[in-house]
Structure formats: structure tokens, C-alpha cells
Amino acid sequence: MNQRPEGIDLAARSRARRRALQALYAWQMSGSHMNAVIDQFRHEQDMEVADLEYFEDLLHGVERHVEQLDDALKPFVDRDVGQIDPIERAALRLAAYELKYRPDVPYRVIINEAIEVTKRFGADHGHSYVNGVLDKLATHLRTAEKKA
């Protein structure tokens, strides 16, 4: 079983991140309220295999802190955050939320998951851009962890 000693199912968390990326993309494109997007995903996606609590935490966290997350990303991107490809933007916001507000998740896991979802859903080389930005953001937000 793919679980940590604390009982966290890592595969279910990974699936939650994939679904969260898709939901963030839908939220960014539609402008709908996040609760409506979550409800839609609950009914249309196979959520039984994902960590639903983590999925909702990610989405509500990004929604609640989107301005702070975009501000944290600004020094490390080459254009306005709103100009970034929507999939890459969703991956960056999702990972920025985890880096900033989920210290229980190792930064390497966050970056790796962001790269993987961007490879799966994004443009051909979008994952390289996401990797570069997140590596710099992790150095800024998780200095002690990166040095260890």
C-alpha cells in the first residue's frame, strides 16, 4: 500500500492534486464560485479514488489566498501571472499554496507532483517552466528545508 506511517494514502493525494489542477483550470476559465466547481467535480469525476478532503483544502486554499500566491510567484515568473498558460498557472498556484501553507508536505513532493500534472495536462515544455519557477519559490519559502 502506498501510505505514510501517519496513514496518508499518497496515491489518493496524488489523484486529489490531479483533480484539483483540473478544477482550478475550470475555476480560472469560468469564473464560477469554487463551491460550484467542487460540486461539479464531485458529480462528474471519479472522486472515490482521490483524497476528497485534501482536494477541497487545495481548492479552497488557492481561492482564499490567490492574491498572496500570485504575489509570491511574481518575482520568479517572466510575465504577469494572468498571462501564464492556464494549466501552468493552475499548477503554479496549486504548488505555491502547498509550499506556503502545507509545511507537512515535503517541497520535493510538491514540485514533482506539479511537474507530473503539467506534463499530463499542459503544453509540451510547460513542465520545464513550472519546475524552474517552483524551484526558485521553494528556495524562497522553504529555505531551511532545502538546505537540509
Protein backbone atom coordinates (compact mmCIF):
# COMPACT_ATOMS: atom_id res chain seq x y z
CA MET A 1 0.00 0.00 0.00
CA ASN A 2 1.26 3.48 -0.82
CA GLN A 3 0.82 5.01 2.64
CA ARG A 4 2.96 7.00 5.04
CA PRO A 5 3.08 5.96 8.69
CA GLU A 6 0.61 8.71 9.55
CA GLY A 7 -2.00 6.88 7.47
CA ILE A 8 -1.89 9.25 4.50
CA ASP A 9 -2.59 7.49 1.21
CA LEU A 10 -0.04 9.09 -1.12
CA ALA A 11 -1.70 7.76 -4.29
CA ALA A 12 -5.05 9.26 -3.22
CA ARG A 13 -3.30 12.58 -2.55
CA SER A 14 -1.69 12.46 -5.98
CA ARG A 15 -5.09 11.85 -7.58
CA ALA A 16 -6.51 14.72 -5.49
CA ARG A 17 -3.83 17.03 -6.93
CA ARG A 18 -4.65 15.94 -10.50
CA ARG A 19 -8.35 16.59 -9.95
CA ALA A 20 -7.54 19.88 -8.19
CA LEU A 21 -5.49 21.04 -11.18
CA GLN A 22 -8.44 20.32 -13.47
CA ALA A 23 -10.83 22.07 -11.09
CA LEU A 24 -8.56 25.12 -10.78
CA TYR A 25 -8.37 25.30 -14.55
CA ALA A 26 -12.20 25.20 -14.73
CA TRP A 27 -12.44 27.85 -11.98
CA GLN A 28 -9.96 30.15 -13.73
CA MET A 29 -11.70 29.79 -17.09
CA SER A 30 -15.32 30.00 -15.90
CA GLY A 31 -15.11 32.50 -13.06
CA SER A 32 -17.60 30.31 -11.18
CA HIS A 33 -17.64 30.17 -7.40
CA MET A 34 -15.27 27.49 -6.12
CA ASN A 35 -18.07 25.61 -4.33
CA ALA A 36 -19.89 25.21 -7.67
CA VAL A 37 -16.72 23.85 -9.28
CA ILE A 38 -16.20 21.41 -6.39
CA ASP A 39 -19.81 20.22 -6.63
CA GLN A 40 -19.44 19.71 -10.38
CA PHE A 41 -16.28 17.64 -9.86
CA ARG A 42 -17.91 15.58 -7.13
CA HIS A 43 -20.65 14.59 -9.57
CA GLU A 44 -18.67 14.25 -12.78
CA GLN A 45 -15.26 12.92 -11.75
CA ASP A 46 -14.25 9.63 -10.15
CA MET A 47 -13.56 11.15 -6.74
CA GLU A 48 -13.78 7.92 -4.71
CA VAL A 49 -10.14 7.17 -5.51
CA ALA A 50 -8.94 10.66 -4.54
CA ASP A 51 -8.42 12.22 -1.13
CA LEU A 52 -11.54 14.39 -1.20
CA GLU A 53 -10.63 16.32 1.96
CA TYR A 54 -7.23 17.23 0.50
CA PHE A 55 -8.81 18.10 -2.86
CA GLU A 56 -11.16 20.56 -1.16
CA ASP A 57 -8.38 22.00 1.04
CA LEU A 58 -6.27 22.71 -2.03
CA LEU A 59 -9.09 24.39 -3.91
CA HIS A 60 -10.42 26.48 -1.05
CA GLY A 61 -6.85 27.36 -0.06
CA VAL A 62 -5.98 28.62 -3.54
CA GLU A 63 -9.25 30.53 -3.75
CA ARG A 64 -8.75 32.12 -0.32
CA HIS A 65 -5.09 33.05 -0.91
CA VAL A 66 -4.92 33.58 -4.69
CA GLU A 67 -3.62 37.17 -4.39
CA GLN A 68 -0.88 36.19 -1.93
CA LEU A 69 0.05 33.20 -4.09
CA ASP A 70 0.29 35.32 -7.23
CA ASP A 71 2.38 37.88 -5.30
CA ALA A 72 4.72 35.09 -4.13
CA LEU A 73 5.09 33.84 -7.72
CA LYS A 74 5.68 37.29 -9.30
CA PRO A 75 9.44 37.54 -8.64
CA PHE A 76 10.02 34.17 -10.28
CA VAL A 77 7.92 34.41 -13.45
CA ASP A 78 8.77 36.19 -16.69
CA ARG A 79 5.34 37.76 -17.21
CA ASP A 80 2.21 38.72 -15.32
CA VAL A 81 0.71 35.65 -13.61
CA GLY A 82 -2.53 36.22 -15.54
CA GLN A 83 -0.59 35.86 -18.82
CA ILE A 84 0.73 32.38 -17.98
CA ASP A 85 -0.87 29.43 -19.76
CA PRO A 86 -3.97 28.44 -17.72
CA ILE A 87 -2.76 24.90 -16.97
CA GLU A 88 0.68 26.11 -15.93
CA ARG A 89 -0.93 28.90 -13.88
CA ALA A 90 -3.17 26.38 -12.10
CA ALA A 91 -0.17 24.10 -11.39
CA LEU A 92 1.88 27.04 -10.08
CA ARG A 93 -0.92 28.29 -7.83
CA LEU A 94 -1.61 24.82 -6.51
CA ALA A 95 2.04 24.16 -5.72
CA ALA A 96 2.54 27.68 -4.31
CA TYR A 97 -0.35 27.04 -1.92
CA GLU A 98 1.20 23.79 -0.75
CA LEU A 99 4.68 25.33 -0.42
CA LYS A 100 3.36 28.27 1.58
CA TYR A 101 0.54 26.74 3.64
CA ARG A 102 1.18 22.99 3.83
CA PRO A 103 4.57 22.58 5.55
CA ASP A 104 3.57 18.96 6.29
CA VAL A 105 4.19 18.15 2.61
CA PRO A 106 7.86 17.97 1.54
CA TYR A 107 8.79 20.55 -1.09
CA ARG A 108 10.25 17.84 -3.36
CA VAL A 109 6.88 16.05 -3.42
CA ILE A 110 5.08 19.31 -4.26
CA ILE A 111 7.43 20.17 -7.12
CA ASN A 112 7.43 16.64 -8.52
CA GLU A 113 3.63 16.44 -8.46
CA ALA A 114 3.34 19.85 -10.16
CA ILE A 115 5.74 18.72 -12.90
CA GLU A 116 3.82 15.47 -13.43
CA VAL A 117 0.38 17.12 -13.71
CA THR A 118 1.79 19.75 -16.06
CA LYS A 119 3.32 17.01 -18.24
CA ARG A 120 -0.05 15.27 -18.32
CA PHE A 121 -2.31 18.26 -18.99
CA GLY A 122 -0.10 21.14 -20.13
CA ALA A 123 1.84 22.24 -23.18
CA ASP A 124 4.89 20.31 -24.42
CA HIS A 125 7.51 22.13 -22.37
CA GLY A 126 5.27 23.66 -19.73
CA HIS A 127 6.64 21.33 -17.07
CA SER A 128 10.13 22.81 -17.50
CA TYR A 129 8.78 26.30 -16.86
CA VAL A 130 6.80 25.11 -13.81
CA ASN A 131 9.89 23.31 -12.46
CA GLY A 132 12.09 26.40 -12.79
CA VAL A 133 9.59 28.72 -11.12
CA LEU A 134 8.79 26.32 -8.28
CA ASP A 135 12.42 25.55 -7.56
CA LYS A 136 13.05 29.27 -7.00
CA LEU A 137 9.85 29.68 -4.98
CA ALA A 138 10.75 26.68 -2.79
CA THR A 139 14.20 28.21 -2.13
CA HIS A 140 12.44 31.39 -1.02
CA LEU A 141 9.65 29.79 1.06
CA ARG A 142 11.39 26.67 2.36
CA THR A 143 14.98 27.79 2.81
CA ALA A 144 15.70 25.58 5.84
CA GLU A 145 14.12 22.52 4.25
CA LYS A 146 16.06 22.97 1.01
CA LYS A 147 19.36 23.34 2.91
CA ALA A 148 18.75 20.16 4.92
